[in-house]
C-alpha cells in the first residue's frame, strides 16, 4: 500500500528531540522514512537513547544551546552536513520559566526575560536563517514552529513565555509570505497542555483534574497527536496550510 506521507530521502532537523514532543516527532518522521537530526541542549544520554531507537538509518545527534546565537546559527548547517540535505525543520525546543513580575527584582526579571526570549524566539529565528539556503537547495521544504495557546490567552505566571510564543507566531507568518517563492512552507502549531514525561508530574498530581477539565474532552493532547499533525504538515499533501497557526489543544482554548 502506498504511504501517503512518504518522507524517504528527506532530512529533518528536530530541535529539543531528546524528550517529549520532539522525541515523538523524531520517531514519527523516521517511521515515514526521514533521516533525523536529533538536537539536544544538555542531555546527551537521552538524545543517544532516542537516536538508537529510531527506525531506519542515517540519523545523527547534534548539541547546541539555542540561547547562544552562534550555536543556534550553526545548527542547521551541521544538520544539513550530517544528513546530506535538509528538507524539514521543526523548532520544538523551548523553556518555560515562572517569573512573577510583581515579586522579582530588576536583575532577576531581566535574567528570566532575556533567557526565555533567547531560547524560544531568537534561537528559532537563527536556526531558520541558517536553514533557508539548504531548504532552497533541496527544492523547497517545510518549517514547523511549536508555539502555544499561551500566545493568545496569556501566561501571567510566565509572561516572557507567552510573549516569546506570540513572537514565534508572527515570525512564522512573516516567513510563510517571504519564503513562499522559494517553495518553503511555514506553519505554527499552538498546543495547550500535552501529556509527556515532562508534564506527567503535573498532570498526575493534585492539579491534574483541573488542567484536564479545561477541555470538554476531559483530557490533554498527547505527544503522538502533535506528531501526527506535524507529519501531515510536512507530507507535502497539505501545503495550503502555509502561514497557518494550528490549534491543537482539545478545545481548551478557542479563538476566532
C-alpha atoms as a PDB file:
ATOM      1  CA  UNK A   1       0.000   0.000   0.000  1.00  0.00           C
ATOM      2  CA  UNK A   2       1.322   3.449  -0.894  1.00  0.00           C
ATOM      3  CA  UNK A   3       2.457   5.549   2.040  1.00  0.00           C
ATOM      4  CA  UNK A   4       0.636   8.900   1.689  1.00  0.00           C
ATOM      5  CA  UNK A   5       3.239  10.560   3.900  1.00  0.00           C
ATOM      6  CA  UNK A   6       6.397   9.068   2.422  1.00  0.00           C
ATOM      7  CA  UNK A   7       9.421  11.079   3.588  1.00  0.00           C
ATOM      8  CA  UNK A   8      12.057   8.709   2.239  1.00  0.00           C
ATOM      9  CA  UNK A   9      15.279  10.572   1.499  1.00  0.00           C
ATOM     10  CA  UNK A  10      14.209  13.710   3.365  1.00  0.00           C
ATOM     11  CA  UNK A  11      16.438  15.251   6.020  1.00  0.00           C
ATOM     12  CA  UNK A  12      14.727  16.639   9.118  1.00  0.00           C
ATOM     13  CA  UNK A  13      16.143  18.705  11.971  1.00  0.00           C
ATOM     14  CA  UNK A  14      14.075  18.436  15.164  1.00  0.00           C
ATOM     15  CA  UNK A  15      15.126  20.743  17.984  1.00  0.00           C
ATOM     16  CA  UNK A  16      14.579  19.543  21.535  1.00  0.00           C
ATOM     17  CA  UNK A  17      14.248  15.966  20.267  1.00  0.00           C
ATOM     18  CA  UNK A  18      15.684  14.171  23.286  1.00  0.00           C
ATOM     19  CA  UNK A  19      12.291  14.005  25.029  1.00  0.00           C
ATOM     20  CA  UNK A  20       8.642  14.996  24.953  1.00  0.00           C
ATOM     21  CA  UNK A  21       7.078  16.347  21.786  1.00  0.00           C
ATOM     22  CA  UNK A  22      10.402  16.491  19.969  1.00  0.00           C
ATOM     23  CA  UNK A  23      11.062  12.813  20.612  1.00  0.00           C
ATOM     24  CA  UNK A  24       7.595  11.862  19.353  1.00  0.00           C
ATOM     25  CA  UNK A  25       8.099  13.941  16.202  1.00  0.00           C
ATOM     26  CA  UNK A  26      11.510  12.392  15.542  1.00  0.00           C
ATOM     27  CA  UNK A  27      10.036   8.905  15.876  1.00  0.00           C
ATOM     28  CA  UNK A  28       7.053   9.733  13.678  1.00  0.00           C
ATOM     29  CA  UNK A  29       9.054  11.234  10.832  1.00  0.00           C
ATOM     30  CA  UNK A  30      11.644   8.459  10.987  1.00  0.00           C
ATOM     31  CA  UNK A  31       8.892   5.831  10.691  1.00  0.00           C
ATOM     32  CA  UNK A  32       7.908   7.500   7.440  1.00  0.00           C
ATOM     33  CA  UNK A  33      11.397   7.407   6.008  1.00  0.00           C
ATOM     34  CA  UNK A  34      13.042  10.687   7.036  1.00  0.00           C
ATOM     35  CA  UNK A  35      16.611  10.921   8.280  1.00  0.00           C
ATOM     36  CA  UNK A  36      16.590  12.781  11.591  1.00  0.00           C
ATOM     37  CA  UNK A  37      18.990  15.215  13.238  1.00  0.00           C
ATOM     38  CA  UNK A  38      18.186  14.801  16.935  1.00  0.00           C
ATOM     39  CA  UNK A  39      19.042  18.104  18.584  1.00  0.00           C
ATOM     40  CA  UNK A  40      19.567  18.353  22.331  1.00  0.00           C
ATOM     41  CA  UNK A  41      20.701  21.022  24.734  1.00  0.00           C
ATOM     42  CA  UNK A  42      22.409  19.242  27.648  1.00  0.00           C
ATOM     43  CA  UNK A  43      21.135  15.665  27.995  1.00  0.00           C
ATOM     44  CA  UNK A  44      23.314  13.719  25.576  1.00  0.00           C
ATOM     45  CA  UNK A  45      22.336  10.370  27.061  1.00  0.00           C
ATOM     46  CA  UNK A  46      18.637  10.991  26.395  1.00  0.00           C
ATOM     47  CA  UNK A  47      19.416  12.114  22.846  1.00  0.00           C
ATOM     48  CA  UNK A  48      21.506   8.996  22.259  1.00  0.00           C
ATOM     49  CA  UNK A  49      18.641   6.826  23.515  1.00  0.00           C
ATOM     50  CA  UNK A  50      16.285   8.468  21.033  1.00  0.00           C
ATOM     51  CA  UNK A  51      18.825   8.117  18.249  1.00  0.00           C
ATOM     52  CA  UNK A  52      19.354   4.399  18.857  1.00  0.00           C
ATOM     53  CA  UNK A  53      15.621   3.693  18.827  1.00  0.00           C
ATOM     54  CA  UNK A  54      14.782   5.496  15.596  1.00  0.00           C
ATOM     55  CA  UNK A  55      13.811   3.216  12.714  1.00  0.00           C
ATOM     56  CA  UNK A  56      15.930   3.437   9.593  1.00  0.00           C
ATOM     57  CA  UNK A  57      19.487   4.681   9.364  1.00  0.00           C
ATOM     58  CA  UNK A  58      21.461   7.832   8.666  1.00  0.00           C
ATOM     59  CA  UNK A  59      20.250   9.611  11.797  1.00  0.00           C
ATOM     60  CA  UNK A  60      22.545  11.901  13.795  1.00  0.00           C
ATOM     61  CA  UNK A  61      22.518  13.812  17.079  1.00  0.00           C
ATOM     62  CA  UNK A  62      23.602  17.412  17.498  1.00  0.00           C
ATOM     63  CA  UNK A  63      24.197  19.554  20.589  1.00  0.00           C
ATOM     64  CA  UNK A  64      23.529  23.283  20.686  1.00  0.00           C
ATOM     65  CA  UNK A  65      22.464  25.892  23.211  1.00  0.00           C
ATOM     66  CA  UNK A  66      19.710  27.708  21.342  1.00  0.00           C
ATOM     67  CA  UNK A  67      20.090  30.623  23.725  1.00  0.00           C
ATOM     68  CA  UNK A  68      23.534  31.188  22.220  1.00  0.00           C
ATOM     69  CA  UNK A  69      23.119  32.962  18.883  1.00  0.00           C
ATOM     70  CA  UNK A  70      26.320  31.482  17.441  1.00  0.00           C
ATOM     71  CA  UNK A  71      25.387  27.911  18.304  1.00  0.00           C
ATOM     72  CA  UNK A  72      21.818  28.358  17.078  1.00  0.00           C
ATOM     73  CA  UNK A  73      23.029  29.823  13.785  1.00  0.00           C
ATOM     74  CA  UNK A  74      25.341  26.836  13.183  1.00  0.00           C
ATOM     75  CA  UNK A  75      22.789  24.138  13.919  1.00  0.00           C
ATOM     76  CA  UNK A  76      21.122  23.941  10.506  1.00  0.00           C
ATOM     77  CA  UNK A  77      24.486  23.849   8.736  1.00  0.00           C
ATOM     78  CA  UNK A  78      25.567  20.935  10.926  1.00  0.00           C
ATOM     79  CA  UNK A  79      22.283  19.139  10.295  1.00  0.00           C
ATOM     80  CA  UNK A  80      22.497  19.581   6.528  1.00  0.00           C
ATOM     81  CA  UNK A  81      26.097  18.421   6.505  1.00  0.00           C
ATOM     82  CA  UNK A  82      25.421  15.385   8.686  1.00  0.00           C
ATOM     83  CA  UNK A  83      22.250  14.317   6.889  1.00  0.00           C
ATOM     84  CA  UNK A  84      23.375  15.190   3.396  1.00  0.00           C
ATOM     85  CA  UNK A  85      20.429  17.519   2.859  1.00  0.00           C
ATOM     86  CA  UNK A  86      17.820  19.451   4.817  1.00  0.00           C
ATOM     87  CA  UNK A  87      14.127  19.453   3.886  1.00  0.00           C
ATOM     88  CA  UNK A  88      12.307  19.859   7.191  1.00  0.00           C
ATOM     89  CA  UNK A  89      12.927  21.942  10.302  1.00  0.00           C
ATOM     90  CA  UNK A  90      10.781  21.547  13.413  1.00  0.00           C
ATOM     91  CA  UNK A  91      11.534  24.221  16.001  1.00  0.00           C
ATOM     92  CA  UNK A  92      10.292  22.465  19.107  1.00  0.00           C
ATOM     93  CA  UNK A  93      12.849  23.285  21.815  1.00  0.00           C
ATOM     94  CA  UNK A  94      11.768  25.839  24.377  1.00  0.00           C
ATOM     95  CA  UNK A  95      11.777  26.728  28.045  1.00  0.00           C
ATOM     96  CA  UNK A  96       9.047  27.762  30.472  1.00  0.00           C
ATOM     97  CA  UNK A  97      10.280  29.715  33.479  1.00  0.00           C
ATOM     98  CA  UNK A  98       7.834  31.132  36.005  1.00  0.00           C
ATOM     99  CA  UNK A  99       8.611  34.719  36.943  1.00  0.00           C
ATOM    100  CA  UNK A 100       6.127  36.882  38.811  1.00  0.00           C
ATOM    101  CA  UNK A 101       6.660  40.452  37.633  1.00  0.00           C
ATOM    102  CA  UNK A 102       5.411  41.827  40.949  1.00  0.00           C
ATOM    103  CA  UNK A 103       7.881  39.779  43.015  1.00  0.00           C
ATOM    104  CA  UNK A 104      11.149  39.918  41.088  1.00  0.00           C
ATOM    105  CA  UNK A 105      13.894  42.488  41.429  1.00  0.00           C
ATOM    106  CA  UNK A 106      15.058  44.068  38.138  1.00  0.00           C
ATOM    107  CA  UNK A 107      18.116  41.857  37.785  1.00  0.00           C
ATOM    108  CA  UNK A 108      16.169  38.581  38.063  1.00  0.00           C
ATOM    109  CA  UNK A 109      13.362  39.886  35.864  1.00  0.00           C
ATOM    110  CA  UNK A 110      15.858  40.716  33.123  1.00  0.00           C
ATOM    111  CA  UNK A 111      17.632  37.374  33.542  1.00  0.00           C
ATOM    112  CA  UNK A 112      14.465  35.297  33.126  1.00  0.00           C
ATOM    113  CA  UNK A 113      13.096  37.517  30.364  1.00  0.00           C
ATOM    114  CA  UNK A 114      16.291  37.571  28.308  1.00  0.00           C
ATOM    115  CA  UNK A 115      16.912  33.828  28.592  1.00  0.00           C
ATOM    116  CA  UNK A 116      13.347  32.907  27.618  1.00  0.00           C
ATOM    117  CA  UNK A 117      13.299  35.206  24.596  1.00  0.00           C
ATOM    118  CA  UNK A 118      16.750  33.989  23.549  1.00  0.00           C
ATOM    119  CA  UNK A 119      15.804  30.300  23.604  1.00  0.00           C
ATOM    120  CA  UNK A 120      12.167  30.475  22.493  1.00  0.00           C
ATOM    121  CA  UNK A 121      12.260  33.204  19.851  1.00  0.00           C
ATOM    122  CA  UNK A 122      15.728  34.370  18.856  1.00  0.00           C
ATOM    123  CA  UNK A 123      17.055  30.797  18.808  1.00  0.00           C
ATOM    124  CA  UNK A 124      14.461  29.524  16.326  1.00  0.00           C
ATOM    125  CA  UNK A 125      14.982  32.630  14.184  1.00  0.00           C
ATOM    126  CA  UNK A 126      18.720  31.941  13.977  1.00  0.00           C
ATOM    127  CA  UNK A 127      18.112  28.254  13.242  1.00  0.00           C
ATOM    128  CA  UNK A 128      15.779  29.160  10.393  1.00  0.00           C
ATOM    129  CA  UNK A 129      18.103  31.772   8.953  1.00  0.00           C
ATOM    130  CA  UNK A 130      20.756  29.087   8.696  1.00  0.00           C
ATOM    131  CA  UNK A 131      18.283  26.567   7.267  1.00  0.00           C
ATOM    132  CA  UNK A 132      16.867  28.622   4.405  1.00  0.00           C
ATOM    133  CA  UNK A 133      19.738  28.117   1.910  1.00  0.00           C
ATOM    134  CA  UNK A 134      19.622  24.346   2.488  1.00  0.00           C
ATOM    135  CA  UNK A 135      15.844  24.153   2.159  1.00  0.00           C
ATOM    136  CA  UNK A 136      16.042  26.167  -1.033  1.00  0.00           C
ATOM    137  CA  UNK A 137      18.818  23.919  -2.368  1.00  0.00           C
ATOM    138  CA  UNK A 138      16.589  20.908  -1.711  1.00  0.00           C
ATOM    139  CA  UNK A 139      13.934  22.408  -3.952  1.00  0.00           C
ATOM    140  CA  UNK A 140      11.805  23.728  -1.126  1.00  0.00           C
ATOM    141  CA  UNK A 141      10.838  22.374   2.249  1.00  0.00           C
ATOM    142  CA  UNK A 142       8.796  22.702   5.395  1.00  0.00           C
ATOM    143  CA  UNK A 143       9.242  24.620   8.629  1.00  0.00           C
ATOM    144  CA  UNK A 144       7.098  23.906  11.680  1.00  0.00           C
ATOM    145  CA  UNK A 145       7.367  26.151  14.731  1.00  0.00           C
ATOM    146  CA  UNK A 146       5.898  24.911  18.012  1.00  0.00           C
ATOM    147  CA  UNK A 147       4.066  27.795  19.606  1.00  0.00           C
ATOM    148  CA  UNK A 148       1.497  27.628  22.413  1.00  0.00           C
ATOM    149  CA  UNK A 149      -2.060  28.586  23.282  1.00  0.00           C
ATOM    150  CA  UNK A 150      -0.305  30.866  25.782  1.00  0.00           C
ATOM    151  CA  UNK A 151       0.495  33.178  22.891  1.00  0.00           C
ATOM    152  CA  UNK A 152      -3.220  34.002  22.749  1.00  0.00           C
ATOM    153  CA  UNK A 153      -4.604  33.578  26.250  1.00  0.00           C
ATOM    154  CA  UNK A 154      -1.550  34.950  28.040  1.00  0.00           C
ATOM    155  CA  UNK A 155       0.778  33.437  30.639  1.00  0.00           C
ATOM    156  CA  UNK A 156       0.524  35.558  33.810  1.00  0.00           C
ATOM    157  CA  UNK A 157       2.989  33.328  35.676  1.00  0.00           C
ATOM    158  CA  UNK A 158       5.446  33.285  32.766  1.00  0.00           C
ATOM    159  CA  UNK A 159       4.905  36.431  30.693  1.00  0.00           C
ATOM    160  CA  UNK A 160       8.150  36.028  28.768  1.00  0.00           C
ATOM    161  CA  UNK A 161       6.991  32.597  27.607  1.00  0.00           C
ATOM    162  CA  UNK A 162       3.687  33.985  26.308  1.00  0.00           C
ATOM    163  CA  UNK A 163       5.469  36.870  24.610  1.00  0.00           C
ATOM    164  CA  UNK A 164       8.050  34.574  23.018  1.00  0.00           C
ATOM    165  CA  UNK A 165       5.367  32.319  21.562  1.00  0.00           C
ATOM    166  CA  UNK A 166       3.365  35.270  20.250  1.00  0.00           C
ATOM    167  CA  UNK A 167       6.541  36.459  18.553  1.00  0.00           C
ATOM    168  CA  UNK A 168       7.099  32.976  17.111  1.00  0.00           C
ATOM    169  CA  UNK A 169       3.618  33.063  15.598  1.00  0.00           C
ATOM    170  CA  UNK A 170       4.356  36.379  13.915  1.00  0.00           C
ATOM    171  CA  UNK A 171       7.740  35.139  12.726  1.00  0.00           C
ATOM    172  CA  UNK A 172       6.073  32.065  11.231  1.00  0.00           C
ATOM    173  CA  UNK A 173       3.531  34.093   9.296  1.00  0.00           C
ATOM    174  CA  UNK A 174       6.114  36.605   8.104  1.00  0.00           C
ATOM    175  CA  UNK A 175       8.357  33.823   6.820  1.00  0.00           C
ATOM    176  CA  UNK A 176       5.452  31.989   5.186  1.00  0.00           C
ATOM    177  CA  UNK A 177       4.984  35.004   2.933  1.00  0.00           C
ATOM    178  CA  UNK A 178       8.673  35.755   2.440  1.00  0.00           C
ATOM    179  CA  UNK A 179       9.684  32.169   1.661  1.00  0.00           C
ATOM    180  CA  UNK A 180       6.749  31.002  -0.455  1.00  0.00           C
ATOM    181  CA  UNK A 181       8.515  31.982  -3.720  1.00  0.00           C
ATOM    182  CA  UNK A 182      11.364  29.657  -2.678  1.00  0.00           C
ATOM    183  CA  UNK A 183       8.997  26.728  -2.210  1.00  0.00           C
ATOM    184  CA  UNK A 184       9.352  26.799   1.574  1.00  0.00           C
ATOM    185  CA  UNK A 185       6.191  26.356   3.619  1.00  0.00           C
ATOM    186  CA  UNK A 186       5.909  27.599   7.217  1.00  0.00           C
ATOM    187  CA  UNK A 187       3.298  26.580   9.794  1.00  0.00           C
ATOM    188  CA  UNK A 188       2.995  27.126  13.544  1.00  0.00           C
ATOM    189  CA  UNK A 189       1.305  24.734  15.974  1.00  0.00           C
ATOM    190  CA  UNK A 190      -0.232  26.060  19.182  1.00  0.00           C
ATOM    191  CA  UNK A 191      -0.760  23.238  21.695  1.00  0.00           C
ATOM    192  CA  UNK A 192      -2.135  23.548  25.177  1.00  0.00           C
ATOM    193  CA  UNK A 193      -1.074  21.050  27.825  1.00  0.00           C
ATOM    194  CA  UNK A 194       0.445  17.939  26.266  1.00  0.00           C
ATOM    195  CA  UNK A 195       0.995  14.658  28.101  1.00  0.00           C
ATOM    196  CA  UNK A 196       4.747  13.994  28.065  1.00  0.00           C
ATOM    197  CA  UNK A 197       7.360  12.812  30.522  1.00  0.00           C
ATOM    198  CA  UNK A 198       7.920  16.477  31.390  1.00  0.00           C
ATOM    199  CA  UNK A 199       4.278  17.233  32.246  1.00  0.00           C
ATOM    200  CA  UNK A 200       3.302  13.897  33.757  1.00  0.00           C
ATOM    201  CA  UNK A 201       4.208  15.073  37.273  1.00  0.00           C
ATOM    202  CA  UNK A 202       1.748  17.960  36.992  1.00  0.00           C
ATOM    203  CA  UNK A 203      -0.991  16.016  35.218  1.00  0.00           C
ATOM    204  CA  UNK A 204      -0.839  13.147  37.681  1.00  0.00           C
ATOM    205  CA  UNK A 205      -0.589  15.487  40.678  1.00  0.00           C
ATOM    206  CA  UNK A 206      -3.322  17.202  42.680  1.00  0.00           C
ATOM    207  CA  UNK A 207      -3.908  19.826  39.987  1.00  0.00           C
ATOM    208  CA  UNK A 208      -4.254  17.322  37.160  1.00  0.00           C
ATOM    209  CA  UNK A 209      -8.046  17.208  37.101  1.00  0.00           C
ATOM    210  CA  UNK A 210      -8.245  20.994  36.943  1.00  0.00           C
ATOM    211  CA  UNK A 211      -5.946  21.005  33.912  1.00  0.00           C
ATOM    212  CA  UNK A 212      -7.856  18.214  32.141  1.00  0.00           C
ATOM    213  CA  UNK A 213     -11.177  19.894  32.871  1.00  0.00           C
ATOM    214  CA  UNK A 214     -10.099  22.909  30.840  1.00  0.00           C
ATOM    215  CA  UNK A 215     -11.063  20.750  27.866  1.00  0.00           C
ATOM    216  CA  UNK A 216     -14.601  19.474  27.120  1.00  0.00           C
ATOM    217  CA  UNK A 217     -12.848  16.215  26.180  1.00  0.00           C
ATOM    218  CA  UNK A 218     -11.615  15.902  29.748  1.00  0.00           C
ATOM    219  CA  UNK A 219      -8.030  15.302  28.688  1.00  0.00           C
ATOM    220  CA  UNK A 220      -4.945  16.878  27.189  1.00  0.00           C
ATOM    221  CA  UNK A 221      -3.365  16.232  23.821  1.00  0.00           C
ATOM    222  CA  UNK A 222      -0.693  13.567  23.549  1.00  0.00           C
ATOM    223  CA  UNK A 223       2.758  13.974  22.044  1.00  0.00           C
ATOM    224  CA  UNK A 224       1.823  11.463  19.337  1.00  0.00           C
ATOM    225  CA  UNK A 225      -1.166  13.600  18.348  1.00  0.00           C
ATOM    226  CA  UNK A 226       1.102  16.608  17.943  1.00  0.00           C
ATOM    227  CA  UNK A 227       3.473  14.470  15.875  1.00  0.00           C
ATOM    228  CA  UNK A 228       0.620  13.294  13.657  1.00  0.00           C
ATOM    229  CA  UNK A 229      -0.317  16.887  12.863  1.00  0.00           C
ATOM    230  CA  UNK A 230       3.297  17.725  12.050  1.00  0.00           C
ATOM    231  CA  UNK A 231       3.513  14.683   9.769  1.00  0.00           C
ATOM    232  CA  UNK A 232       0.518  15.972   7.844  1.00  0.00           C
ATOM    233  CA  UNK A 233       2.059  19.444   7.571  1.00  0.00           C
ATOM    234  CA  UNK A 234       5.420  18.213   6.227  1.00  0.00           C
ATOM    235  CA  UNK A 235       3.981  15.496   3.988  1.00  0.00           C
ATOM    236  CA  UNK A 236       3.535  17.806   1.010  1.00  0.00           C
ATOM    237  CA  UNK A 237      -0.159  16.890   0.933  1.00  0.00           C
ATOM    238  CA  UNK A 238      -1.386  19.991   2.782  1.00  0.00           C
ATOM    239  CA  UNK A 239       0.880  22.817   1.632  1.00  0.00           C
ATOM    240  CA  UNK A 240      -2.037  25.270   1.524  1.00  0.00           C
ATOM    241  CA  UNK A 241      -1.670  25.362   5.309  1.00  0.00           C
ATOM    242  CA  UNK A 242       1.394  27.593   4.963  1.00  0.00           C
ATOM    243  CA  UNK A 243       1.009  30.722   7.063  1.00  0.00           C
ATOM    244  CA  UNK A 244      -1.426  28.989   9.374  1.00  0.00           C
ATOM    245  CA  UNK A 245      -1.389  28.665  13.152  1.00  0.00           C
ATOM    246  CA  UNK A 246      -2.977  25.350  14.069  1.00  0.00           C
ATOM    247  CA  UNK A 247      -4.583  24.962  17.491  1.00  0.00           C
ATOM    248  CA  UNK A 248      -4.027  21.503  18.989  1.00  0.00           C
ATOM    249  CA  UNK A 249      -5.461  21.909  22.474  1.00  0.00           C
ATOM    250  CA  UNK A 250      -8.550  19.667  22.807  1.00  0.00           C
ATOM    251  CA  UNK A 251     -10.774  22.776  22.668  1.00  0.00           C
ATOM    252  CA  UNK A 252      -9.318  24.006  25.949  1.00  0.00           C
ATOM    253  CA  UNK A 253      -8.922  27.450  24.398  1.00  0.00           C
ATOM    254  CA  UNK A 254     -10.965  28.724  21.469  1.00  0.00           C
ATOM    255  CA  UNK A 255     -10.293  31.766  19.326  1.00  0.00           C
ATOM    256  CA  UNK A 256     -11.590  33.203  16.078  1.00  0.00           C
END
